[in-house]
Amino acid sequence: MLLLRRDHLLRLAGCTAVAVSIAGAPALLGAQEAPPPAPPAEPAPPPDPGFAEPEIVQPDVPEPEAEEEAKELIKKLEETLANADSIQFEEKTVLRMPEMGDMEMVQSRMSFMAARPNQFLAQLYDGEDTTPSLVVASDGETVTQFYGGESPMGPISFFERVEAADDLAKAIEESPFLGSISLALLAEPGSFEQAFGPMTQFDYAGTEEDEDGKEHHKLTFAVPGMMAGEMVATADDNPLLREVKITQMQQQDVDVAFRFDNWRLDESISVERFDYSPPSDAEEVDSLLQTLTQPQAPPPEQQAPPPPAPDAPQ
């Protein structure tokens, strides 16, 4: 794939729905002759002293009171954003390899602003780059999605334009590039379940102080067998998300932290800020996602020469 970005990590965090099937015994209709008794089972052989059954560790189940406190805080987080006419924030995605100590690597950054009913501008940067590699913008009528960067075949620059949905939630959800935790939170009440999945268990872990002495709420969350982590939110009447950290993710030896900063709610944003034009050398395509995920042909100078024509018969 040419689309080298963080989606595979974000969607692991956001898409955690688990299918559950329940098997039930069929009812017997009418009297039926009982089957003959089964022969006695052979006694089980004694266990091999050199083999031990692996211990099955069950996930911790939150106390009901702590779970209710967590849900109440999540509700307040959603309401804070749902009631805002405009939203601005910055987000940084940081990777940390536990076996390498405290060394952190900034994988990507995002600058986001939005104004209801359906205008927004999201700019995503790779690492510490100062030029965005991905831009998704809605001026209220058209959504423009642009990607520009390097690929194994050289520089690429593509964009597409589609009609904008009539509200902010739909406009964000319809972009295949904005399926992150941070943007799912902007949609509407209930968006935490959309971001984390209905099987997620939340637990309220109390409050703590940061390095500046400011108090924050702390939640823990887990999807048994898939992921676990914690969330930090400001401790006030209108809480805002500060960090989502995934410490266990499908047995991957990597911690992922989504850090949010510079929140600004209900500030006036000029409509011109949402006007976006891709670079003049960008190629317009019907589907940006399909273009970025399909195999690309190498430039002509890198293509293998055609085979020589067979000799003409004498």
Protein backbone atom coordinates (compact mmCIF):
# COMPACT_ATOMS: atom_id res chain seq x y z
CA MET A 1 0.00 0.00 0.00
CA LEU A 2 1.17 3.48 -0.79
CA LEU A 3 -0.87 5.08 1.97
CA LEU A 4 1.73 5.16 4.74
CA ARG A 5 -0.20 6.56 7.70
CA ARG A 6 -1.59 5.67 11.08
CA ASP A 7 -5.00 4.27 10.05
CA HIS A 8 -4.12 0.67 10.93
CA LEU A 9 -3.44 1.74 14.54
CA LEU A 10 -6.39 4.09 14.83
CA ARG A 11 -8.88 1.61 13.51
CA LEU A 12 -7.63 -1.04 15.91
CA ALA A 13 -8.56 1.43 18.63
CA GLY A 14 -11.87 2.47 17.09
CA CYS A 15 -13.23 -0.74 15.53
CA THR A 16 -13.51 -3.27 18.38
CA ALA A 17 -16.95 -4.77 17.87
CA VAL A 18 -17.02 -8.46 18.76
CA ALA A 19 -19.59 -10.93 17.45
CA VAL A 20 -21.18 -13.13 20.15
CA SER A 21 -23.14 -16.32 19.41
CA ILE A 22 -25.32 -18.21 21.94
CA ALA A 23 -26.09 -21.86 21.47
CA GLY A 24 -29.33 -23.21 22.93
CA ALA A 25 -30.72 -26.71 23.16
CA PRO A 26 -33.77 -27.38 20.90
CA ALA A 27 -37.03 -28.20 22.65
CA LEU A 28 -38.41 -31.73 22.32
CA LEU A 29 -41.89 -31.78 20.81
CA GLY A 30 -43.96 -34.81 21.86
CA ALA A 31 -42.92 -37.97 23.64
CA GLN A 32 -39.94 -39.76 22.16
CA GLU A 33 -38.42 -43.11 22.99
CA ALA A 34 -35.38 -42.71 25.18
CA PRO A 35 -32.15 -43.74 23.45
CA PRO A 36 -30.20 -46.67 24.90
CA PRO A 37 -27.72 -45.68 27.59
CA ALA A 38 -24.23 -44.86 26.37
CA PRO A 39 -21.46 -47.28 27.32
CA PRO A 40 -19.37 -46.14 30.28
CA ALA A 41 -16.56 -43.83 29.29
CA GLU A 42 -13.01 -45.03 29.51
CA PRO A 43 -11.18 -43.52 32.48
CA ALA A 44 -9.03 -40.53 31.51
CA PRO A 45 -5.30 -41.26 31.47
CA PRO A 46 -3.31 -39.70 34.30
CA PRO A 47 -1.89 -36.26 33.45
CA ASP A 48 1.61 -36.08 32.06
CA PRO A 49 3.75 -34.75 34.91
CA GLY A 50 5.89 -32.87 32.37
CA PHE A 51 2.96 -30.85 30.95
CA ALA A 52 1.00 -28.13 32.73
CA GLU A 53 -2.23 -26.62 31.43
CA PRO A 54 -1.80 -22.88 30.75
CA GLU A 55 -3.48 -20.65 33.30
CA ILE A 56 -6.45 -18.73 31.91
CA VAL A 57 -6.40 -15.17 33.18
CA GLN A 58 -9.84 -13.57 33.26
CA PRO A 59 -10.08 -9.79 32.70
CA ASP A 60 -10.86 -7.62 35.69
CA VAL A 61 -14.52 -6.65 35.84
CA PRO A 62 -15.08 -3.04 36.94
CA GLU A 63 -17.03 -2.48 40.12
CA PRO A 64 -20.60 -1.36 39.26
CA GLU A 65 -20.13 1.99 41.00
CA ALA A 66 -16.84 2.72 39.20
CA GLU A 67 -18.37 1.68 35.89
CA GLU A 68 -21.28 4.09 36.37
CA GLU A 69 -18.86 6.91 37.23
CA ALA A 70 -16.93 6.16 34.04
CA LYS A 71 -20.09 6.26 31.94
CA GLU A 72 -21.13 9.55 33.52
CA LEU A 73 -17.77 11.12 32.69
CA ILE A 74 -17.94 9.81 29.12
CA LYS A 75 -21.40 11.34 28.77
CA LYS A 76 -20.05 14.72 29.90
CA LEU A 77 -17.15 14.48 27.45
CA GLU A 78 -19.56 13.87 24.59
CA GLU A 79 -21.92 16.65 25.65
CA THR A 80 -19.10 19.20 25.92
CA LEU A 81 -18.25 18.73 22.23
CA ALA A 82 -21.79 18.13 20.98
CA ASN A 83 -22.90 21.47 22.46
CA ALA A 84 -20.05 23.48 20.92
CA ASP A 85 -20.73 25.50 17.77
CA SER A 86 -17.06 25.42 16.80
CA ILE A 87 -14.19 23.14 17.82
CA GLN A 88 -10.42 23.41 17.41
CA PHE A 89 -7.67 21.18 18.76
CA GLU A 90 -4.31 19.63 17.97
CA GLU A 91 -3.50 15.93 18.30
CA LYS A 92 -0.25 14.01 18.37
CA THR A 93 0.14 10.24 17.95
CA VAL A 94 3.14 8.89 19.85
CA LEU A 95 4.60 5.38 19.74
CA ARG A 96 6.66 3.87 22.53
CA MET A 97 8.43 0.54 22.52
CA PRO A 98 8.42 -0.77 26.13
CA GLU A 99 11.56 -2.82 25.58
CA MET A 100 13.40 0.38 24.59
CA GLY A 101 12.64 2.25 27.79
CA ASP A 102 11.08 5.70 27.71
CA MET A 103 12.06 6.57 24.13
CA GLU A 104 9.09 7.94 22.21
CA MET A 105 8.53 8.49 18.50
CA VAL A 106 6.01 10.95 17.09
CA GLN A 107 4.28 9.03 14.31
CA SER A 108 1.87 11.74 13.20
CA ARG A 109 0.25 15.04 14.14
CA MET A 110 -3.12 16.53 13.30
CA SER A 111 -4.55 20.04 13.33
CA PHE A 112 -8.34 20.17 13.32
CA MET A 113 -11.01 22.86 13.25
CA ALA A 114 -14.75 22.61 12.65
CA ALA A 115 -17.82 24.83 12.62
CA ARG A 116 -21.37 23.61 12.53
CA PRO A 117 -23.33 22.68 10.58
CA ASN A 118 -20.79 20.93 8.30
CA GLN A 119 -17.53 22.80 7.80
CA PHE A 120 -14.17 21.41 8.91
CA LEU A 121 -10.48 21.26 8.07
CA ALA A 122 -8.22 18.38 9.12
CA GLN A 123 -4.51 18.49 8.30
CA LEU A 124 -2.35 15.44 9.08
CA TYR A 125 1.44 15.50 9.21
CA ASP A 126 3.89 12.60 9.16
CA GLY A 127 6.16 12.72 12.20
CA GLU A 128 7.59 16.21 12.68
CA ASP A 129 7.03 17.29 9.04
CA THR A 130 5.80 20.85 8.57
CA THR A 131 3.86 20.16 5.36
CA PRO A 132 0.68 18.07 5.67
CA SER A 133 0.62 14.81 3.74
CA LEU A 134 -3.16 14.47 4.07
CA VAL A 135 -5.80 17.20 4.04
CA VAL A 136 -9.55 16.67 4.36
CA ALA A 137 -11.64 19.85 4.10
CA SER A 138 -15.32 20.68 3.85
CA ASP A 139 -16.44 24.18 2.85
CA GLY A 140 -20.06 23.24 3.48
CA GLU A 141 -20.76 22.20 -0.10
CA THR A 142 -17.79 20.07 -1.18
CA VAL A 143 -15.38 17.79 0.68
CA THR A 144 -11.86 17.86 -0.80
CA GLN A 145 -9.46 15.07 0.17
CA PHE A 146 -5.80 15.39 -0.80
CA TYR A 147 -2.77 13.13 -0.30
CA GLY A 148 0.76 13.98 -1.31
CA GLY A 149 3.95 12.21 -0.39
CA GLU A 150 6.65 9.78 -1.35
CA SER A 151 6.08 6.23 -2.56
CA PRO A 152 8.42 3.45 -3.72
CA MET A 153 7.69 4.69 -7.24
CA GLY A 154 8.44 8.34 -6.49
CA PRO A 155 6.39 11.38 -5.43
CA ILE A 156 2.60 11.13 -5.67
CA SER A 157 -0.08 13.83 -5.44
CA PHE A 158 -3.80 13.03 -5.76
CA PHE A 159 -7.11 14.54 -4.67
CA GLU A 160 -10.83 13.91 -4.97
CA ARG A 161 -13.93 16.01 -4.46
CA VAL A 162 -17.31 14.78 -3.26
CA GLU A 163 -20.52 16.42 -2.12
CA ALA A 164 -20.53 17.41 1.56
CA ALA A 165 -23.00 15.81 3.96
CA ASP A 166 -25.49 18.15 5.61
CA ASP A 167 -24.07 17.95 9.15
CA LEU A 168 -20.68 17.68 10.81
CA ALA A 169 -21.12 14.13 12.09
CA LYS A 170 -21.98 12.71 8.68
CA ALA A 171 -19.34 14.75 6.87
CA ILE A 172 -16.64 13.35 9.16
CA GLU A 173 -17.93 9.78 9.17
CA GLU A 174 -18.11 9.63 5.37
CA SER A 175 -14.38 10.24 4.99
CA PRO A 176 -12.39 6.98 5.04
CA PHE A 177 -9.35 8.89 6.33
CA LEU A 178 -10.85 10.30 9.54
CA GLY A 179 -11.79 7.15 11.44
CA SER A 180 -9.79 8.07 14.55
CA ILE A 181 -10.75 8.28 18.18
CA SER A 182 -10.45 12.04 18.26
CA LEU A 183 -12.80 12.69 15.38
CA ALA A 184 -15.33 10.07 16.42
CA LEU A 185 -15.75 12.02 19.64
CA LEU A 186 -16.96 15.05 17.71
CA ALA A 187 -19.94 13.28 16.21
CA GLU A 188 -22.73 13.10 18.79
CA PRO A 189 -23.67 11.50 22.12
CA GLY A 190 -22.90 7.80 21.96
CA SER A 191 -19.78 8.29 19.88
CA PHE A 192 -17.51 6.71 22.51
CA GLU A 193 -19.24 3.41 21.84
CA GLN A 194 -18.76 4.04 18.13
CA ALA A 195 -15.04 4.68 18.65
CA PHE A 196 -14.24 1.89 21.09
CA GLY A 197 -16.90 -0.73 20.39
CA PRO A 198 -19.86 -2.05 22.42
CA MET A 199 -17.76 -4.71 24.18
CA THR A 200 -15.45 -2.18 25.85
CA GLN A 201 -15.42 -2.17 29.65
CA PHE A 202 -14.77 1.25 31.22
CA ASP A 203 -13.64 1.79 34.79
CA TYR A 204 -13.27 5.07 36.70
CA ALA A 205 -9.84 5.21 38.33
CA GLY A 206 -10.18 8.51 40.22
CA THR A 207 -8.27 11.76 39.76
CA GLU A 208 -4.58 12.57 39.53
CA GLU A 209 -2.38 15.65 39.13
CA ASP A 210 -0.21 16.32 36.12
CA GLU A 211 3.25 17.91 36.11
CA ASP A 212 1.68 21.38 36.33
CA GLY A 213 -0.40 20.46 39.38
CA LYS A 214 -3.68 20.40 37.45
CA GLU A 215 -6.19 17.72 38.40
CA HIS A 216 -7.45 15.26 35.79
CA HIS A 217 -9.89 12.38 35.66
CA LYS A 218 -8.55 8.97 34.75
CA LEU A 219 -10.46 6.10 33.14
CA THR A 220 -9.27 2.65 32.22
CA PHE A 221 -10.78 0.57 29.41
CA ALA A 222 -10.42 -2.95 28.10
CA VAL A 223 -11.75 -5.22 25.40
CA PRO A 224 -10.95 -8.77 26.60
CA GLY A 225 -8.44 -10.43 24.30
CA MET A 226 -8.01 -7.35 22.09
CA MET A 227 -6.79 -4.21 23.82
CA ALA A 228 -6.50 -2.29 27.07
CA GLY A 229 -5.55 1.24 27.97
CA GLU A 230 -6.44 4.40 29.82
CA MET A 231 -7.91 7.85 29.17
CA VAL A 232 -7.24 11.17 30.84
CA ALA A 233 -9.72 14.07 30.83
CA THR A 234 -9.78 17.51 32.43
CA ALA A 235 -11.53 17.68 35.82
CA ASP A 236 -14.08 20.47 35.39
CA ASP A 237 -17.74 20.97 34.53
CA ASN A 238 -17.08 20.69 30.79
CA PRO A 239 -14.34 18.04 30.57
CA LEU A 240 -12.14 17.64 27.52
CA LEU A 241 -10.04 14.69 26.46
CA ARG A 242 -6.32 15.01 27.13
CA GLU A 243 -4.94 11.59 26.25
CA VAL A 244 -5.94 8.11 25.12
CA LYS A 245 -3.22 5.54 25.69
CA ILE A 246 -3.38 1.97 24.38
CA THR A 247 -1.01 -0.20 26.39
CA GLN A 248 -2.07 -3.62 25.10
CA MET A 249 -3.22 -4.18 21.54
CA GLN A 250 -3.60 -7.68 20.14
CA GLN A 251 -0.31 -8.77 21.71
CA GLN A 252 1.69 -6.05 19.92
CA ASP A 253 4.74 -4.88 21.87
CA VAL A 254 4.03 -1.20 21.37
CA ASP A 255 2.22 1.51 23.32
CA VAL A 256 0.21 4.08 21.35
CA ALA A 257 -0.79 7.42 22.85
CA PHE A 258 -3.14 9.97 21.27
CA ARG A 259 -2.47 13.31 22.99
CA PHE A 260 -4.82 16.28 22.63
CA ASP A 261 -3.86 19.88 23.22
CA ASN A 262 -4.88 23.48 22.56
CA TRP A 263 -8.63 22.91 22.74
CA ARG A 264 -10.68 25.95 21.70
CA LEU A 265 -14.47 25.80 21.78
CA ASP A 266 -16.98 28.32 20.44
CA GLU A 267 -14.32 30.65 19.02
CA SER A 268 -15.24 32.46 15.82
CA ILE A 269 -13.69 30.88 12.70
CA SER A 270 -13.73 32.70 9.38
CA VAL A 271 -15.47 30.75 6.61
CA GLU A 272 -12.41 31.34 4.41
CA ARG A 273 -10.42 29.05 6.70
CA PHE A 274 -12.35 26.08 5.30
CA ASP A 275 -11.59 26.87 1.66
CA TYR A 276 -8.92 24.46 0.48
CA SER A 277 -7.35 24.06 -2.96
CA PRO A 278 -4.95 21.16 -3.58
CA PRO A 279 -1.54 21.84 -5.16
CA SER A 280 -1.65 22.71 -8.85
CA ASP A 281 0.27 19.57 -9.80
CA ALA A 282 -2.13 17.22 -7.97
CA GLU A 283 -4.12 14.80 -10.13
CA GLU A 284 -7.86 14.56 -9.56
CA VAL A 285 -9.14 10.98 -9.19
CA ASP A 286 -12.55 9.38 -8.73
CA SER A 287 -11.57 7.65 -5.46
CA LEU A 288 -8.56 8.76 -3.43
CA LEU A 289 -8.68 5.68 -1.19
CA GLN A 290 -8.78 3.28 -4.13
CA THR A 291 -6.00 5.13 -5.90
CA LEU A 292 -3.73 4.99 -2.85
CA THR A 293 -4.34 1.33 -2.12
CA GLN A 294 -4.10 -0.13 -5.60
CA PRO A 295 -0.70 -1.18 -7.03
CA GLN A 296 1.02 1.63 -8.89
CA ALA A 297 2.96 1.20 -12.13
CA PRO A 298 6.61 2.36 -12.00
CA PRO A 299 7.61 5.45 -14.00
CA PRO A 300 8.38 4.77 -17.67
CA GLU A 301 12.15 4.98 -17.16
CA GLN A 302 11.91 2.21 -14.55
CA GLN A 303 9.74 -0.13 -16.57
CA ALA A 304 11.39 -3.19 -18.06
CA PRO A 305 11.98 -2.97 -21.81
CA PRO A 306 9.63 -5.04 -23.98
CA PRO A 307 10.92 -8.48 -25.03
CA PRO A 308 12.60 -8.59 -28.48
CA ALA A 309 10.43 -9.58 -31.41
CA PRO A 310 10.93 -13.13 -32.63
CA ASP A 311 13.06 -13.59 -35.73
CA ALA A 312 11.10 -13.58 -38.97
CA PRO A 313 10.87 -17.01 -40.63
CA GLN A 314 13.33 -17.51 -43.54
